Amino acid sequence: MQILMILVPVTLILVALGVVLFNWAVKNGQYDDLDGPAHRILYDDDKDMIPDDAKTGNEKAAADRSETRDTRKQ
């Protein structure tokens, strides 16, 4: 029975320590999105950075089609 006098305060201290560490981790961004940056690199968003003389025939045609779609929307 005397062991409970030791274990209950130790348990309460450990729980409080866990809550404090969890709050610290949340405030410091430890639970931010980890998959987003890894998947974002796979998106092809640099088509507009390719010079016109380096584009292949298919890329030029696709660029022309997207430009005509953009002008129609406006």
Protein backbone atom coordinates (compact mmCIF):
# COMPACT_ATOMS: atom_id res chain seq x y z
CA MET A 1 0.00 0.00 0.00
CA GLN A 2 2.89 2.33 0.64
CA ILE A 3 4.04 1.89 -2.96
CA LEU A 4 0.91 3.77 -4.04
CA MET A 5 2.13 6.80 -2.13
CA ILE A 6 5.14 6.80 -4.47
CA LEU A 7 3.54 5.65 -7.72
CA VAL A 8 0.61 8.09 -7.79
CA PRO A 9 2.77 11.26 -7.58
CA VAL A 10 5.28 9.79 -10.03
CA THR A 11 2.45 9.02 -12.47
CA LEU A 12 1.02 12.52 -12.12
CA ILE A 13 4.44 14.05 -12.74
CA LEU A 14 4.96 11.90 -15.85
CA VAL A 15 1.51 12.81 -17.21
CA ALA A 16 2.18 16.51 -16.62
CA LEU A 17 5.57 16.20 -18.30
CA GLY A 18 3.92 14.48 -21.29
CA VAL A 19 1.34 17.27 -21.62
CA VAL A 20 4.07 19.94 -21.44
CA LEU A 21 6.19 18.17 -24.06
CA PHE A 22 3.19 17.71 -26.34
CA ASN A 23 2.31 21.42 -26.09
CA TRP A 24 5.94 22.34 -26.83
CA ALA A 25 5.97 20.07 -29.89
CA VAL A 26 2.74 21.55 -31.27
CA LYS A 27 3.92 25.13 -30.76
CA ASN A 28 7.26 24.45 -32.46
CA GLY A 29 5.72 22.91 -35.58
CA GLN A 30 6.68 19.31 -34.94
CA TYR A 31 3.29 18.15 -36.24
CA ASP A 32 3.34 20.14 -39.47
CA ASP A 33 2.47 18.51 -42.77
CA LEU A 34 5.26 16.08 -43.65
CA ASP A 35 3.79 14.60 -46.82
CA GLY A 36 2.88 17.87 -48.54
CA PRO A 37 6.42 19.02 -49.43
CA ALA A 38 7.40 15.52 -50.53
CA HIS A 39 4.45 15.32 -52.93
CA ARG A 40 4.60 18.96 -54.02
CA ILE A 41 7.95 18.41 -55.73
CA LEU A 42 6.26 15.95 -58.09
CA TYR A 43 3.84 18.56 -59.46
CA ASP A 44 4.91 19.89 -62.81
CA ASP A 45 4.59 23.64 -62.44
CA ASP A 46 7.62 24.80 -64.40
CA LYS A 47 6.22 24.45 -67.94
CA ASP A 48 6.15 28.23 -68.35
CA MET A 49 9.88 28.41 -67.54
CA ILE A 50 10.93 26.34 -70.58
CA PRO A 51 12.26 28.60 -73.35
CA ASP A 52 10.29 28.51 -76.62
CA ASP A 53 13.26 27.29 -78.65
CA ALA A 54 13.74 24.31 -76.30
CA LYS A 55 10.14 23.09 -76.46
CA THR A 56 9.26 20.06 -78.54
CA GLY A 57 6.38 20.06 -81.01
CA ASN A 58 3.94 18.54 -78.52
CA GLU A 59 4.87 21.04 -75.82
CA LYS A 60 4.41 23.96 -78.21
CA ALA A 61 0.98 22.69 -79.24
CA ALA A 62 -0.06 22.21 -75.62
CA ALA A 63 1.15 25.71 -74.73
CA ASP A 64 -0.80 27.18 -77.65
CA ARG A 65 -3.96 25.34 -76.59
CA SER A 66 -3.66 26.55 -73.00
CA GLU A 67 -3.10 30.13 -74.16
CA THR A 68 -6.22 30.02 -76.33
CA ARG A 69 -8.23 28.61 -73.40
CA ASP A 70 -6.97 31.41 -71.17
CA THR A 71 -7.94 34.10 -73.68
CA ARG A 72 -11.43 32.59 -74.09
CA LYS A 73 -12.07 32.75 -70.35
CA GLN A 74 -11.30 36.44 -70.23
